[in-house]
C-alpha atoms as a PDB file:
ATOM      1  CA  UNK A   1     133.749  52.029 165.070  1.00  0.00           C
ATOM      2  CA  UNK A   2     131.869  54.233 162.598  1.00  0.00           C
ATOM      3  CA  UNK A   3     128.906  56.454 163.405  1.00  0.00           C
ATOM      4  CA  UNK A   4     126.023  57.684 161.272  1.00  0.00           C
ATOM      5  CA  UNK A   5     123.353  60.069 162.454  1.00  0.00           C
ATOM      6  CA  UNK A   6     119.723  59.842 161.396  1.00  0.00           C
ATOM      7  CA  UNK A   7     118.191  63.215 162.103  1.00  0.00           C
ATOM      8  CA  UNK A   8     118.928  64.911 165.421  1.00  0.00           C
ATOM      9  CA  UNK A   9     117.905  62.162 167.787  1.00  0.00           C
ATOM     10  CA  UNK A  10     119.066  58.784 166.448  1.00  0.00           C
ATOM     11  CA  UNK A  11     122.579  57.480 166.025  1.00  0.00           C
ATOM     12  CA  UNK A  12     123.810  54.234 164.443  1.00  0.00           C
ATOM     13  CA  UNK A  13     127.168  52.879 165.539  1.00  0.00           C
ATOM     14  CA  UNK A  14     128.715  50.108 163.488  1.00  0.00           C
ATOM     15  CA  UNK A  15     131.302  48.215 165.491  1.00  0.00           C
ATOM     16  CA  UNK A  16     134.264  47.246 163.330  1.00  0.00           C
ATOM     17  CA  UNK A  17     134.669  43.933 165.116  1.00  0.00           C
ATOM     18  CA  UNK A  18     131.893  41.374 165.176  1.00  0.00           C
ATOM     19  CA  UNK A  19     129.259  42.656 162.711  1.00  0.00           C
ATOM     20  CA  UNK A  20     127.233  44.331 165.494  1.00  0.00           C
ATOM     21  CA  UNK A  21     125.431  47.665 165.121  1.00  0.00           C
ATOM     22  CA  UNK A  22     123.934  49.867 167.808  1.00  0.00           C
ATOM     23  CA  UNK A  23     120.710  51.746 167.220  1.00  0.00           C
ATOM     24  CA  UNK A  24     121.091  54.564 169.746  1.00  0.00           C
ATOM     25  CA  UNK A  25     118.210  56.663 171.087  1.00  0.00           C
ATOM     26  CA  UNK A  26     119.818  60.063 171.577  1.00  0.00           C
ATOM     27  CA  UNK A  27     117.305  62.651 172.755  1.00  0.00           C
ATOM     28  CA  UNK A  28     118.580  63.119 176.325  1.00  0.00           C
ATOM     29  CA  UNK A  29     116.855  66.446 177.013  1.00  0.00           C
ATOM     30  CA  UNK A  30     113.484  64.698 176.700  1.00  0.00           C
ATOM     31  CA  UNK A  31     114.487  61.313 178.190  1.00  0.00           C
ATOM     32  CA  UNK A  32     114.163  59.919 174.657  1.00  0.00           C
ATOM     33  CA  UNK A  33     110.457  60.721 174.384  1.00  0.00           C
ATOM     34  CA  UNK A  34     109.361  59.676 170.913  1.00  0.00           C
ATOM     35  CA  UNK A  35     108.460  62.758 168.883  1.00  0.00           C
ATOM     36  CA  UNK A  36     107.369  62.697 165.263  1.00  0.00           C
ATOM     37  CA  UNK A  37     110.895  63.567 164.144  1.00  0.00           C
ATOM     38  CA  UNK A  38     112.464  60.901 166.341  1.00  0.00           C
ATOM     39  CA  UNK A  39     110.024  58.241 165.133  1.00  0.00           C
ATOM     40  CA  UNK A  40     110.850  59.073 161.531  1.00  0.00           C
ATOM     41  CA  UNK A  41     114.563  58.791 162.310  1.00  0.00           C
ATOM     42  CA  UNK A  42     114.183  55.415 164.039  1.00  0.00           C
ATOM     43  CA  UNK A  43     112.354  54.077 160.994  1.00  0.00           C
ATOM     44  CA  UNK A  44     115.025  55.424 158.649  1.00  0.00           C
ATOM     45  CA  UNK A  45     117.815  53.896 160.708  1.00  0.00           C
ATOM     46  CA  UNK A  46     116.037  50.532 160.729  1.00  0.00           C
ATOM     47  CA  UNK A  47     115.681  50.603 156.951  1.00  0.00           C
ATOM     48  CA  UNK A  48     119.407  51.246 156.581  1.00  0.00           C
ATOM     49  CA  UNK A  49     120.341  48.517 159.058  1.00  0.00           C
ATOM     50  CA  UNK A  50     118.012  45.999 157.455  1.00  0.00           C
ATOM     51  CA  UNK A  51     119.662  46.557 154.090  1.00  0.00           C
ATOM     52  CA  UNK A  52     123.211  46.280 155.451  1.00  0.00           C
ATOM     53  CA  UNK A  53     124.283  42.676 154.846  1.00  0.00           C
ATOM     54  CA  UNK A  54     127.355  43.177 157.019  1.00  0.00           C
ATOM     55  CA  UNK A  55     125.181  43.621 160.128  1.00  0.00           C
ATOM     56  CA  UNK A  56     124.334  40.362 161.884  1.00  0.00           C
ATOM     57  CA  UNK A  57     122.909  41.712 165.167  1.00  0.00           C
ATOM     58  CA  UNK A  58     121.544  45.039 166.403  1.00  0.00           C
ATOM     59  CA  UNK A  59     121.567  46.411 169.961  1.00  0.00           C
ATOM     60  CA  UNK A  60     119.044  49.104 170.879  1.00  0.00           C
ATOM     61  CA  UNK A  61     120.600  51.483 173.431  1.00  0.00           C
ATOM     62  CA  UNK A  62     120.082  54.892 175.032  1.00  0.00           C
ATOM     63  CA  UNK A  63     122.377  57.813 175.800  1.00  0.00           C
ATOM     64  CA  UNK A  64     120.297  59.002 178.771  1.00  0.00           C
ATOM     65  CA  UNK A  65     121.657  57.991 182.166  1.00  0.00           C
ATOM     66  CA  UNK A  66     118.259  57.523 183.823  1.00  0.00           C
ATOM     67  CA  UNK A  67     116.017  56.382 181.001  1.00  0.00           C
ATOM     68  CA  UNK A  68     115.875  54.048 178.059  1.00  0.00           C
ATOM     69  CA  UNK A  69     112.795  55.786 176.646  1.00  0.00           C
ATOM     70  CA  UNK A  70     109.775  57.290 178.401  1.00  0.00           C
ATOM     71  CA  UNK A  71     107.397  56.722 175.493  1.00  0.00           C
ATOM     72  CA  UNK A  72     105.425  59.141 173.348  1.00  0.00           C
ATOM     73  CA  UNK A  73     106.246  62.835 173.481  1.00  0.00           C
ATOM     74  CA  UNK A  74     103.103  64.014 175.292  1.00  0.00           C
ATOM     75  CA  UNK A  75     104.269  67.635 175.275  1.00  0.00           C
ATOM     76  CA  UNK A  76     104.251  67.534 171.485  1.00  0.00           C
ATOM     77  CA  UNK A  77     100.910  65.771 171.413  1.00  0.00           C
ATOM     78  CA  UNK A  78      99.368  68.323 173.788  1.00  0.00           C
ATOM     79  CA  UNK A  79      99.346  70.796 170.898  1.00  0.00           C
ATOM     80  CA  UNK A  80      97.933  68.319 168.375  1.00  0.00           C
ATOM     81  CA  UNK A  81      94.535  68.506 166.769  1.00  0.00           C
ATOM     82  CA  UNK A  82      92.799  65.243 165.967  1.00  0.00           C
ATOM     83  CA  UNK A  83      94.000  65.644 162.389  1.00  0.00           C
ATOM     84  CA  UNK A  84      97.585  66.109 163.591  1.00  0.00           C
ATOM     85  CA  UNK A  85      97.380  62.940 165.659  1.00  0.00           C
ATOM     86  CA  UNK A  86      95.973  60.999 162.727  1.00  0.00           C
ATOM     87  CA  UNK A  87      98.774  62.230 160.458  1.00  0.00           C
ATOM     88  CA  UNK A  88     101.381  61.238 163.035  1.00  0.00           C
ATOM     89  CA  UNK A  89     100.097  57.686 163.406  1.00  0.00           C
ATOM     90  CA  UNK A  90     101.791  56.063 160.365  1.00  0.00           C
ATOM     91  CA  UNK A  91     105.053  57.803 161.282  1.00  0.00           C
ATOM     92  CA  UNK A  92     105.103  56.421 164.817  1.00  0.00           C
ATOM     93  CA  UNK A  93     104.001  53.006 163.622  1.00  0.00           C
ATOM     94  CA  UNK A  94     106.924  53.056 161.232  1.00  0.00           C
ATOM     95  CA  UNK A  95     109.352  53.344 164.145  1.00  0.00           C
ATOM     96  CA  UNK A  96     107.962  50.388 166.089  1.00  0.00           C
ATOM     97  CA  UNK A  97     107.498  48.139 163.087  1.00  0.00           C
ATOM     98  CA  UNK A  98     110.936  49.171 161.872  1.00  0.00           C
ATOM     99  CA  UNK A  99     112.527  47.671 164.971  1.00  0.00           C
ATOM    100  CA  UNK A 100     110.174  44.692 164.975  1.00  0.00           C
ATOM    101  CA  UNK A 101     110.888  43.826 161.350  1.00  0.00           C
ATOM    102  CA  UNK A 102     114.664  44.083 161.441  1.00  0.00           C
ATOM    103  CA  UNK A 103     115.754  40.841 159.733  1.00  0.00           C
ATOM    104  CA  UNK A 104     118.615  40.160 162.156  1.00  0.00           C
ATOM    105  CA  UNK A 105     118.525  39.344 165.886  1.00  0.00           C
ATOM    106  CA  UNK A 106     117.954  42.381 168.096  1.00  0.00           C
ATOM    107  CA  UNK A 107     118.807  42.994 171.754  1.00  0.00           C
ATOM    108  CA  UNK A 108     117.466  45.880 173.847  1.00  0.00           C
ATOM    109  CA  UNK A 109     119.740  47.304 176.557  1.00  0.00           C
ATOM    110  CA  UNK A 110     117.388  48.828 179.124  1.00  0.00           C
ATOM    111  CA  UNK A 111     118.151  50.963 182.159  1.00  0.00           C
ATOM    112  CA  UNK A 112     115.976  53.411 184.030  1.00  0.00           C
ATOM    113  CA  UNK A 113     112.537  54.142 182.679  1.00  0.00           C
ATOM    114  CA  UNK A 114     111.199  52.141 179.734  1.00  0.00           C
ATOM    115  CA  UNK A 115     107.556  53.125 179.723  1.00  0.00           C
ATOM    116  CA  UNK A 116     104.770  53.084 177.167  1.00  0.00           C
ATOM    117  CA  UNK A 117     106.254  53.376 173.706  1.00  0.00           C
ATOM    118  CA  UNK A 118     109.702  53.044 175.246  1.00  0.00           C
ATOM    119  CA  UNK A 119     108.901  49.603 176.568  1.00  0.00           C
ATOM    120  CA  UNK A 120     107.245  48.762 173.253  1.00  0.00           C
ATOM    121  CA  UNK A 121     110.515  49.513 171.442  1.00  0.00           C
ATOM    122  CA  UNK A 122     112.189  47.022 173.779  1.00  0.00           C
ATOM    123  CA  UNK A 123     109.383  44.486 173.286  1.00  0.00           C
ATOM    124  CA  UNK A 124     109.959  44.739 169.533  1.00  0.00           C
ATOM    125  CA  UNK A 125     113.432  43.297 170.096  1.00  0.00           C
ATOM    126  CA  UNK A 126     114.136  39.573 170.347  1.00  0.00           C
ATOM    127  CA  UNK A 127     115.885  39.758 173.731  1.00  0.00           C
ATOM    128  CA  UNK A 128     115.727  42.370 176.500  1.00  0.00           C
ATOM    129  CA  UNK A 129     118.695  42.875 178.834  1.00  0.00           C
ATOM    130  CA  UNK A 130     117.888  45.189 181.763  1.00  0.00           C
ATOM    131  CA  UNK A 131     119.990  46.478 184.604  1.00  0.00           C
ATOM    132  CA  UNK A 132     118.710  46.774 188.169  1.00  0.00           C
ATOM    133  CA  UNK A 133     117.593  50.381 187.714  1.00  0.00           C
ATOM    134  CA  UNK A 134     115.081  49.436 185.014  1.00  0.00           C
ATOM    135  CA  UNK A 135     111.410  50.281 185.470  1.00  0.00           C
ATOM    136  CA  UNK A 136     109.101  49.028 182.728  1.00  0.00           C
ATOM    137  CA  UNK A 137     105.417  49.259 182.013  1.00  0.00           C
ATOM    138  CA  UNK A 138     102.609  50.140 179.612  1.00  0.00           C
ATOM    139  CA  UNK A 139     100.706  52.983 181.334  1.00  0.00           C
ATOM    140  CA  UNK A 140      98.785  54.233 178.288  1.00  0.00           C
ATOM    141  CA  UNK A 141      95.287  53.684 179.703  1.00  0.00           C
ATOM    142  CA  UNK A 142      96.174  56.151 182.473  1.00  0.00           C
ATOM    143  CA  UNK A 143      96.349  58.920 179.856  1.00  0.00           C
ATOM    144  CA  UNK A 144      93.328  57.846 177.853  1.00  0.00           C
ATOM    145  CA  UNK A 145      94.800  55.709 175.071  1.00  0.00           C
ATOM    146  CA  UNK A 146      96.052  52.137 174.686  1.00  0.00           C
ATOM    147  CA  UNK A 147      99.492  50.719 173.926  1.00  0.00           C
ATOM    148  CA  UNK A 148      99.730  51.462 170.214  1.00  0.00           C
ATOM    149  CA  UNK A 149     103.291  50.464 169.407  1.00  0.00           C
ATOM    150  CA  UNK A 150     102.655  46.739 169.505  1.00  0.00           C
ATOM    151  CA  UNK A 151     102.238  46.341 173.260  1.00  0.00           C
ATOM    152  CA  UNK A 152      98.830  44.649 173.245  1.00  0.00           C
ATOM    153  CA  UNK A 153     100.212  42.017 170.863  1.00  0.00           C
ATOM    154  CA  UNK A 154     103.837  41.605 171.937  1.00  0.00           C
ATOM    155  CA  UNK A 155     103.370  41.550 175.711  1.00  0.00           C
ATOM    156  CA  UNK A 156     100.912  38.603 175.792  1.00  0.00           C
ATOM    157  CA  UNK A 157     103.270  36.677 173.520  1.00  0.00           C
ATOM    158  CA  UNK A 158     105.894  37.091 176.232  1.00  0.00           C
ATOM    159  CA  UNK A 159     103.933  36.624 179.435  1.00  0.00           C
ATOM    160  CA  UNK A 160     100.507  35.222 178.501  1.00  0.00           C
ATOM    161  CA  UNK A 161      97.134  36.895 178.029  1.00  0.00           C
ATOM    162  CA  UNK A 162      96.086  37.176 181.676  1.00  0.00           C
ATOM    163  CA  UNK A 163      99.374  38.638 182.904  1.00  0.00           C
ATOM    164  CA  UNK A 164      99.476  41.088 180.003  1.00  0.00           C
ATOM    165  CA  UNK A 165      95.884  42.144 180.724  1.00  0.00           C
ATOM    166  CA  UNK A 166      96.690  42.817 184.382  1.00  0.00           C
ATOM    167  CA  UNK A 167      99.725  44.914 183.485  1.00  0.00           C
ATOM    168  CA  UNK A 168      98.015  46.897 180.731  1.00  0.00           C
ATOM    169  CA  UNK A 169      94.728  47.468 182.595  1.00  0.00           C
ATOM    170  CA  UNK A 170      96.435  48.508 185.838  1.00  0.00           C
ATOM    171  CA  UNK A 171      99.028  50.685 184.048  1.00  0.00           C
ATOM    172  CA  UNK A 172     101.474  49.761 186.789  1.00  0.00           C
ATOM    173  CA  UNK A 173     105.223  50.134 186.633  1.00  0.00           C
ATOM    174  CA  UNK A 174     107.373  47.080 187.275  1.00  0.00           C
ATOM    175  CA  UNK A 175     110.882  47.255 188.671  1.00  0.00           C
ATOM    176  CA  UNK A 176     113.733  45.173 187.279  1.00  0.00           C
ATOM    177  CA  UNK A 177     113.730  42.183 189.620  1.00  0.00           C
ATOM    178  CA  UNK A 178     109.993  41.574 189.299  1.00  0.00           C
ATOM    179  CA  UNK A 179     110.207  42.255 185.572  1.00  0.00           C
ATOM    180  CA  UNK A 180     112.751  39.453 185.288  1.00  0.00           C
ATOM    181  CA  UNK A 181     110.603  37.114 187.359  1.00  0.00           C
ATOM    182  CA  UNK A 182     107.533  37.810 185.200  1.00  0.00           C
ATOM    183  CA  UNK A 183     109.414  37.484 181.917  1.00  0.00           C
ATOM    184  CA  UNK A 184     108.967  41.129 180.943  1.00  0.00           C
ATOM    185  CA  UNK A 185     112.738  41.203 180.452  1.00  0.00           C
ATOM    186  CA  UNK A 186     115.053  38.284 179.751  1.00  0.00           C
ATOM    187  CA  UNK A 187     118.177  39.112 181.750  1.00  0.00           C
ATOM    188  CA  UNK A 188     118.687  41.338 184.787  1.00  0.00           C
ATOM    189  CA  UNK A 189     122.266  42.511 185.212  1.00  0.00           C
ATOM    190  CA  UNK A 190     124.112  44.756 187.627  1.00  0.00           C
ATOM    191  CA  UNK A 191     123.497  48.496 187.500  1.00  0.00           C
ATOM    192  CA  UNK A 192     125.216  50.156 184.585  1.00  0.00           C
ATOM    193  CA  UNK A 193     126.031  46.934 182.737  1.00  0.00           C
ATOM    194  CA  UNK A 194     123.001  46.645 180.446  1.00  0.00           C
ATOM    195  CA  UNK A 195     124.750  48.005 177.354  1.00  0.00           C
ATOM    196  CA  UNK A 196     127.936  46.025 177.967  1.00  0.00           C
ATOM    197  CA  UNK A 197     126.074  42.762 178.496  1.00  0.00           C
ATOM    198  CA  UNK A 198     123.748  43.368 175.530  1.00  0.00           C
ATOM    199  CA  UNK A 199     126.692  44.078 173.240  1.00  0.00           C
ATOM    200  CA  UNK A 200     128.475  40.963 174.490  1.00  0.00           C
ATOM    201  CA  UNK A 201     125.381  38.853 173.770  1.00  0.00           C
ATOM    202  CA  UNK A 202     125.020  40.432 170.325  1.00  0.00           C
ATOM    203  CA  UNK A 203     128.672  39.677 169.655  1.00  0.00           C
ATOM    204  CA  UNK A 204     128.150  36.008 170.464  1.00  0.00           C
ATOM    205  CA  UNK A 205     125.079  35.913 168.255  1.00  0.00           C
ATOM    206  CA  UNK A 206     126.881  37.632 165.384  1.00  0.00           C
ATOM    207  CA  UNK A 207     129.599  34.984 165.369  1.00  0.00           C
ATOM    208  CA  UNK A 208     127.100  32.588 163.837  1.00  0.00           C
ATOM    209  CA  UNK A 209     126.002  32.172 160.230  1.00  0.00           C
ATOM    210  CA  UNK A 210     124.333  35.344 158.898  1.00  0.00           C
ATOM    211  CA  UNK A 211     122.189  33.219 156.592  1.00  0.00           C
ATOM    212  CA  UNK A 212     121.205  30.997 159.498  1.00  0.00           C
ATOM    213  CA  UNK A 213     120.459  33.929 161.815  1.00  0.00           C
ATOM    214  CA  UNK A 214     118.137  35.644 159.360  1.00  0.00           C
ATOM    215  CA  UNK A 215     116.347  32.409 158.505  1.00  0.00           C
ATOM    216  CA  UNK A 216     115.967  31.408 162.158  1.00  0.00           C
ATOM    217  CA  UNK A 217     114.523  34.807 163.043  1.00  0.00           C
ATOM    218  CA  UNK A 218     112.120  34.620 160.114  1.00  0.00           C
ATOM    219  CA  UNK A 219     110.926  31.188 161.233  1.00  0.00           C
ATOM    220  CA  UNK A 220     110.525  32.283 164.851  1.00  0.00           C
ATOM    221  CA  UNK A 221     108.528  35.374 163.933  1.00  0.00           C
ATOM    222  CA  UNK A 222     106.362  33.898 161.170  1.00  0.00           C
ATOM    223  CA  UNK A 223     105.615  30.775 163.190  1.00  0.00           C
ATOM    224  CA  UNK A 224     104.182  32.625 166.174  1.00  0.00           C
ATOM    225  CA  UNK A 225     100.474  32.076 166.547  1.00  0.00           C
ATOM    226  CA  UNK A 226     100.271  29.319 163.950  1.00  0.00           C
ATOM    227  CA  UNK A 227      99.187  25.793 164.734  1.00  0.00           C
ATOM    228  CA  UNK A 228     101.992  23.245 164.916  1.00  0.00           C
ATOM    229  CA  UNK A 229     101.525  21.859 161.424  1.00  0.00           C
ATOM    230  CA  UNK A 230     101.603  25.313 159.813  1.00  0.00           C
ATOM    231  CA  UNK A 231     104.525  26.345 161.993  1.00  0.00           C
ATOM    232  CA  UNK A 232     106.540  23.348 160.876  1.00  0.00           C
ATOM    233  CA  UNK A 233     105.930  24.347 157.256  1.00  0.00           C
ATOM    234  CA  UNK A 234     107.337  27.789 158.052  1.00  0.00           C
ATOM    235  CA  UNK A 235     110.339  26.103 159.632  1.00  0.00           C
ATOM    236  CA  UNK A 236     110.826  23.826 156.615  1.00  0.00           C
ATOM    237  CA  UNK A 237     110.854  26.810 154.259  1.00  0.00           C
ATOM    238  CA  UNK A 238     113.471  28.524 156.421  1.00  0.00           C
ATOM    239  CA  UNK A 239     115.540  25.334 156.563  1.00  0.00           C
ATOM    240  CA  UNK A 240     115.497  25.082 152.758  1.00  0.00           C
ATOM    241  CA  UNK A 241     116.739  28.673 152.566  1.00  0.00           C
ATOM    242  CA  UNK A 242     119.828  27.684 154.577  1.00  0.00           C
ATOM    243  CA  UNK A 243     120.454  24.072 153.593  1.00  0.00           C
ATOM    244  CA  UNK A 244     121.895  24.817 150.163  1.00  0.00           C
ATOM    245  CA  UNK A 245     123.712  28.021 151.095  1.00  0.00           C
ATOM    246  CA  UNK A 246     127.396  28.778 151.140  1.00  0.00           C
ATOM    247  CA  UNK A 247     127.133  29.292 154.892  1.00  0.00           C
ATOM    248  CA  UNK A 248     125.911  25.726 155.379  1.00  0.00           C
ATOM    249  CA  UNK A 249     128.781  24.332 153.318  1.00  0.00           C
ATOM    250  CA  UNK A 250     131.303  26.452 155.212  1.00  0.00           C
ATOM    251  CA  UNK A 251     129.817  25.536 158.599  1.00  0.00           C
ATOM    252  CA  UNK A 252     130.069  21.812 157.960  1.00  0.00           C
ATOM    253  CA  UNK A 253     133.592  22.133 156.545  1.00  0.00           C
ATOM    254  CA  UNK A 254     134.774  24.253 159.479  1.00  0.00           C
ATOM    255  CA  UNK A 255     133.317  21.772 161.966  1.00  0.00           C
ATOM    256  CA  UNK A 256     135.108  18.859 160.362  1.00  0.00           C
ATOM    257  CA  UNK A 257     138.358  20.793 159.995  1.00  0.00           C
ATOM    258  CA  UNK A 258     138.113  22.043 163.600  1.00  0.00           C
ATOM    259  CA  UNK A 259     138.458  25.695 162.704  1.00  0.00           C
ATOM    260  CA  UNK A 260     136.425  28.875 163.026  1.00  0.00           C
ATOM    261  CA  UNK A 261     133.991  29.358 160.131  1.00  0.00           C
ATOM    262  CA  UNK A 262     134.579  32.148 157.616  1.00  0.00           C
ATOM    263  CA  UNK A 263     130.971  32.803 156.695  1.00  0.00           C
ATOM    264  CA  UNK A 264     130.357  33.872 153.077  1.00  0.00           C
ATOM    265  CA  UNK A 265     126.970  35.219 154.150  1.00  0.00           C
ATOM    266  CA  UNK A 266     125.110  33.711 151.223  1.00  0.00           C
END
């Protein structure tokens, strides 16, 4: 396993087996609160991962024992002028959109607190695995703002408009079991096993065609919110991007020869 640090607070681990990378939030003294510097580092790490054709799946993890991420760094913001806050906005947006726009499947491994921008980082992933200590929520209206890292758009896509409205307007925190029941997270696992289970899922995902994975994710994301006819056109374009690829030829050959595919990735 190789490691690469992006600034002080973000670490990327590339696992030698399985084409899986970890995007690690590593600001334990602040429970991974997202400062300007940390946001810039998350965005930089996402750019590097998106350009790495050897990476087929990314797992978003945390080094803090009791928190995934508690959201925006309000201590930093307490000293901001309005001009400072306005200057910070594109930097923080870059972090959330960086995760959201990763071209490969992404899995969040959540334990402890995932609140505000922390939960939005998880929502930007394709799948959320949470252990039983997880507490999630979007409490921004309780401090005078709104979810600004994608929460007002991503949460209703997961749980529906009415449920998302109730959660955002009430600013309430939701514990793991209820979060699983409501669809706020996708899997609830035993305490301490979120990272292990998320990495195992990412490993299974990464065993599939890298061309197929990227095209399937593109179709899933671009098709959201479109009517059926338009969505099927998005799907057809993604299918055409895979149908004449080396991965498709190798997949069919491996199936017929009853062997494991050796994906060319093109």
